[in-house]
Amino acid sequence: MVEWVISDGLTDYKTALDVMEKRAVAIADGTADELVWLLEHPPLYTAGTSANPSDLKDPDRFPVYETRRGGQYTYHGPGQRVVYTMLNVRNRGHDVRRFVQDLEAWLIAALAEFGLTGHIRDGRVGVWIERPDKSKRADGSLAEDKIAAIGIRMRRWVSYHGLSINVEPNLSHFDSIVPCGITDFGVTSLVDLGMPVTMDDLDVALQRTFEDVMQPRLAASA
């Protein structure tokens, strides 16, 4: 069983981290169900295990939290749906790389509910949207913007941390970091792309596509 929780308002980051860590232990112990937690944070930056200090351009703008998830610097704030996934990876193929690919596929499926085509790019973590409305890059390829980020941590084969999808955040808040260490591409949101999508709309899409992509693979891996 996967429990779904949607939190109203803005959730304190340290509180969320404490909840995730305790729930991951309980899932590993078999005393709690898996959990997908949908929330928003107040404006803040987080530094993953690969974060380069030089990528934090304005350390005084918002609180900065060191975290042990994978990845580099990212921003969380109002208008961004954060999806914390406390899931038993042992029951989903026992393969961390495949699990991350499944998370990517889930994001792409959810975006497709709004007619958007998300892309995965080698060397660039997250989900990307091609922007034919913008000037092409120097090499002649289409401009691309990031719409969703992924960063997880594992504890006894249970994942925590997870995903973030930009619905209608203040995109200027990304200016104080180099998001995920990538300088050559921008950041976008569903509303920035002209999609009249609400947070509730996205939540419905995430729940509708979850079962198709994130089903346990226990039988297949036996």
Protein backbone atom coordinates (compact mmCIF):
# COMPACT_ATOMS: atom_id res chain seq x y z
CA MET A 1 0.00 0.00 0.00
CA VAL A 2 1.15 3.53 -0.84
CA GLU A 3 -0.24 6.32 1.31
CA TRP A 4 -0.72 9.73 -0.32
CA VAL A 5 -0.58 12.90 1.76
CA ILE A 6 -1.15 16.43 0.45
CA SER A 7 -0.12 19.18 2.87
CA ASP A 8 -1.73 22.62 2.75
CA GLY A 9 0.29 25.78 3.25
CA LEU A 10 4.09 25.84 3.42
CA THR A 11 5.97 23.03 5.18
CA ASP A 12 9.14 23.79 7.13
CA TYR A 13 12.10 22.02 5.52
CA LYS A 14 13.63 20.64 8.71
CA THR A 15 10.25 19.29 9.78
CA ALA A 16 9.86 17.57 6.42
CA LEU A 17 13.33 16.06 6.67
CA ASP A 18 12.59 14.66 10.12
CA VAL A 19 9.31 13.13 8.93
CA MET A 20 10.99 11.56 5.89
CA GLU A 21 13.85 10.03 7.85
CA LYS A 22 11.55 8.51 10.46
CA ARG A 23 9.13 7.20 7.84
CA ALA A 24 11.94 5.63 5.79
CA VAL A 25 13.11 3.70 8.85
CA ALA A 26 9.56 2.56 9.61
CA ILE A 27 9.04 1.39 6.02
CA ALA A 28 12.31 -0.55 6.13
CA ASP A 29 11.20 -2.12 9.43
CA GLY A 30 7.85 -3.09 7.93
CA THR A 31 5.88 -1.00 10.43
CA ALA A 32 4.57 1.68 8.01
CA ASP A 33 3.22 1.88 4.48
CA GLU A 34 5.10 3.57 1.67
CA LEU A 35 4.37 7.28 1.35
CA VAL A 36 4.13 9.87 -1.41
CA TRP A 37 3.99 13.32 0.21
CA LEU A 38 2.98 16.37 -1.84
CA LEU A 39 3.82 19.77 -0.37
CA GLU A 40 5.27 23.24 -0.86
CA HIS A 41 8.17 24.82 1.02
CA PRO A 42 8.87 28.45 1.86
CA PRO A 43 11.68 29.89 -0.31
CA LEU A 44 14.95 28.05 0.35
CA TYR A 45 17.96 26.46 -1.28
CA THR A 46 19.24 22.94 -0.68
CA ALA A 47 22.71 21.60 -1.35
CA GLY A 48 23.09 17.99 -2.42
CA THR A 49 26.14 15.81 -1.99
CA SER A 50 27.71 17.10 -5.24
CA ALA A 51 27.07 20.81 -4.60
CA ASN A 52 29.85 23.21 -5.61
CA PRO A 53 30.01 26.19 -3.19
CA SER A 54 30.67 28.54 -6.09
CA ASP A 55 27.23 27.68 -7.50
CA LEU A 56 25.57 29.47 -4.56
CA LYS A 57 25.75 33.01 -5.89
CA ASP A 58 23.77 34.78 -3.14
CA PRO A 59 24.00 32.79 0.12
CA ASP A 60 22.07 35.43 2.08
CA ARG A 61 18.96 35.58 -0.08
CA PHE A 62 17.13 32.55 1.37
CA PRO A 63 17.97 29.88 3.96
CA VAL A 64 20.39 27.22 2.70
CA TYR A 65 20.15 23.62 3.91
CA GLU A 66 22.85 21.01 3.54
CA THR A 67 21.23 17.72 2.64
CA ARG A 68 22.53 14.25 1.90
CA ARG A 69 20.39 13.70 -1.19
CA GLY A 70 22.10 13.27 -4.53
CA GLY A 71 22.62 16.26 -6.78
CA GLN A 72 23.77 19.85 -6.43
CA TYR A 73 21.99 23.09 -5.52
CA THR A 74 18.27 23.42 -6.06
CA TYR A 75 15.52 25.85 -5.10
CA HIS A 76 12.21 25.12 -3.39
CA GLY A 77 9.46 27.65 -2.85
CA PRO A 78 5.78 28.53 -3.20
CA GLY A 79 4.29 27.53 -6.54
CA GLN A 80 6.55 24.49 -6.83
CA ARG A 81 5.15 21.05 -6.12
CA VAL A 82 7.60 19.02 -4.08
CA VAL A 83 6.98 15.28 -4.20
CA TYR A 84 8.72 13.31 -1.49
CA THR A 85 8.79 9.62 -2.33
CA MET A 86 9.32 7.17 0.51
CA LEU A 87 9.21 3.94 -1.46
CA ASN A 88 10.65 0.46 -1.02
CA VAL A 89 13.15 0.14 -3.84
CA ARG A 90 13.78 -3.49 -2.92
CA ASN A 91 10.25 -4.18 -4.15
CA ARG A 92 10.77 -2.12 -7.29
CA GLY A 93 13.50 -4.12 -8.97
CA HIS A 94 16.20 -3.69 -6.28
CA ASP A 95 17.98 -1.35 -8.71
CA VAL A 96 18.58 2.30 -7.80
CA ARG A 97 19.38 3.40 -11.35
CA ARG A 98 16.22 1.80 -12.67
CA PHE A 99 14.24 3.39 -9.85
CA VAL A 100 15.48 6.86 -10.82
CA GLN A 101 14.57 6.10 -14.44
CA ASP A 102 11.08 5.17 -13.25
CA LEU A 103 10.81 8.48 -11.41
CA GLU A 104 11.81 10.26 -14.61
CA ALA A 105 9.22 8.28 -16.59
CA TRP A 106 6.58 9.17 -14.01
CA LEU A 107 7.33 12.87 -14.36
CA ILE A 108 7.19 12.64 -18.15
CA ALA A 109 3.86 10.79 -18.00
CA ALA A 110 2.39 13.41 -15.67
CA LEU A 111 3.53 16.25 -17.95
CA ALA A 112 2.01 14.44 -20.93
CA GLU A 113 -1.37 14.80 -19.23
CA PHE A 114 -1.08 18.50 -20.15
CA GLY A 115 0.17 17.91 -23.68
CA LEU A 116 3.82 18.55 -22.81
CA THR A 117 6.71 16.39 -23.97
CA GLY A 118 9.38 16.03 -21.30
CA HIS A 119 12.89 14.91 -22.18
CA ILE A 120 15.76 13.23 -20.32
CA ARG A 121 19.23 14.36 -21.37
CA ASP A 122 22.56 12.63 -20.75
CA GLY A 123 24.61 14.60 -18.27
CA ARG A 124 21.66 16.77 -17.20
CA VAL A 125 19.58 15.51 -14.30
CA GLY A 126 15.86 16.22 -14.31
CA VAL A 127 13.21 16.70 -16.98
CA TRP A 128 13.58 19.21 -19.79
CA ILE A 129 11.21 20.97 -22.17
CA GLU A 130 12.24 22.02 -25.68
CA ARG A 131 11.59 25.71 -26.38
CA PRO A 132 11.15 26.35 -30.13
CA ASP A 133 9.78 29.79 -29.14
CA LYS A 134 13.26 30.82 -27.98
CA SER A 135 16.43 31.49 -29.96
CA LYS A 136 18.41 28.40 -30.86
CA ARG A 137 21.61 27.60 -29.05
CA ALA A 138 25.04 28.36 -30.57
CA ASP A 139 25.29 24.83 -31.96
CA GLY A 140 21.94 25.18 -33.74
CA SER A 141 20.00 22.95 -31.36
CA LEU A 142 16.72 23.97 -29.77
CA ALA A 143 16.75 25.89 -26.52
CA GLU A 144 15.64 23.81 -23.54
CA ASP A 145 14.47 24.71 -20.05
CA LYS A 146 14.28 22.58 -16.93
CA ILE A 147 10.83 22.01 -15.50
CA ALA A 148 11.46 19.29 -12.91
CA ALA A 149 14.31 18.14 -10.67
CA ILE A 150 15.12 14.77 -9.10
CA GLY A 151 17.27 14.02 -6.08
CA ILE A 152 16.93 11.00 -3.80
CA ARG A 153 18.63 9.37 -0.87
CA MET A 154 18.41 5.73 0.17
CA ARG A 155 18.15 4.21 3.63
CA ARG A 156 18.03 0.42 3.81
CA TRP A 157 16.62 0.33 0.28
CA VAL A 158 13.91 2.86 1.05
CA SER A 159 14.02 6.11 -0.90
CA TYR A 160 13.35 9.57 0.44
CA HIS A 161 13.61 13.12 -0.85
CA GLY A 162 12.33 12.90 -4.43
CA LEU A 163 11.03 15.31 -7.07
CA SER A 164 10.07 18.93 -7.63
CA ILE A 165 7.92 20.27 -10.46
CA ASN A 166 7.60 23.95 -11.26
CA VAL A 167 3.93 24.92 -11.48
CA GLU A 168 4.08 28.68 -10.88
CA PRO A 169 7.08 29.57 -8.72
CA ASN A 170 8.86 32.89 -8.89
CA LEU A 171 11.46 31.90 -11.48
CA SER A 172 13.73 34.79 -10.49
CA HIS A 173 14.40 32.91 -7.24
CA PHE A 174 16.53 30.48 -9.24
CA ASP A 175 18.90 33.33 -10.15
CA SER A 176 20.88 33.06 -6.90
CA ILE A 177 22.11 29.54 -7.65
CA VAL A 178 23.39 27.57 -10.59
CA PRO A 179 20.54 25.02 -10.61
CA CYS A 180 22.01 21.53 -10.52
CA GLY A 181 25.35 22.97 -11.65
CA ILE A 182 24.08 23.68 -15.19
CA THR A 183 24.79 27.11 -16.65
CA ASP A 184 23.78 26.77 -20.31
CA PHE A 185 20.04 26.23 -19.88
CA GLY A 186 17.14 27.98 -18.22
CA VAL A 187 14.30 27.08 -15.89
CA THR A 188 10.62 27.10 -16.74
CA SER A 189 7.25 26.27 -15.21
CA LEU A 190 3.88 25.03 -16.36
CA VAL A 191 2.43 28.54 -16.18
CA ASP A 192 5.50 30.04 -17.89
CA LEU A 193 4.79 27.64 -20.76
CA GLY A 194 1.27 29.00 -21.06
CA MET A 195 -0.45 26.10 -19.31
CA PRO A 196 -3.36 27.19 -17.06
CA VAL A 197 -2.50 24.41 -14.62
CA THR A 198 -3.16 24.56 -10.88
CA MET A 199 -1.41 22.63 -8.14
CA ASP A 200 -4.53 20.50 -7.78
CA ASP A 201 -4.44 19.68 -11.51
CA LEU A 202 -0.86 18.49 -11.20
CA ASP A 203 -1.64 16.42 -8.11
CA VAL A 204 -4.40 14.61 -10.00
CA ALA A 205 -2.04 13.92 -12.92
CA LEU A 206 0.67 12.59 -10.59
CA GLN A 207 -1.74 10.23 -8.86
CA ARG A 208 -3.29 9.08 -12.12
CA THR A 209 0.06 8.19 -13.73
CA PHE A 210 1.78 6.76 -10.64
CA GLU A 211 0.23 3.30 -10.83
CA ASP A 212 1.18 2.86 -14.49
CA VAL A 213 4.85 3.66 -13.96
CA MET A 214 5.79 2.97 -10.36
CA GLN A 215 4.30 -0.48 -9.77
CA PRO A 216 6.42 -2.85 -7.67
CA ARG A 217 8.46 -5.37 -9.66
CA LEU A 218 8.84 -8.05 -7.01
CA ALA A 219 7.60 -10.88 -9.19
CA ALA A 220 9.62 -9.79 -12.20
CA SER A 221 12.85 -9.66 -10.24
CA ALA A 222 12.39 -13.01 -8.50
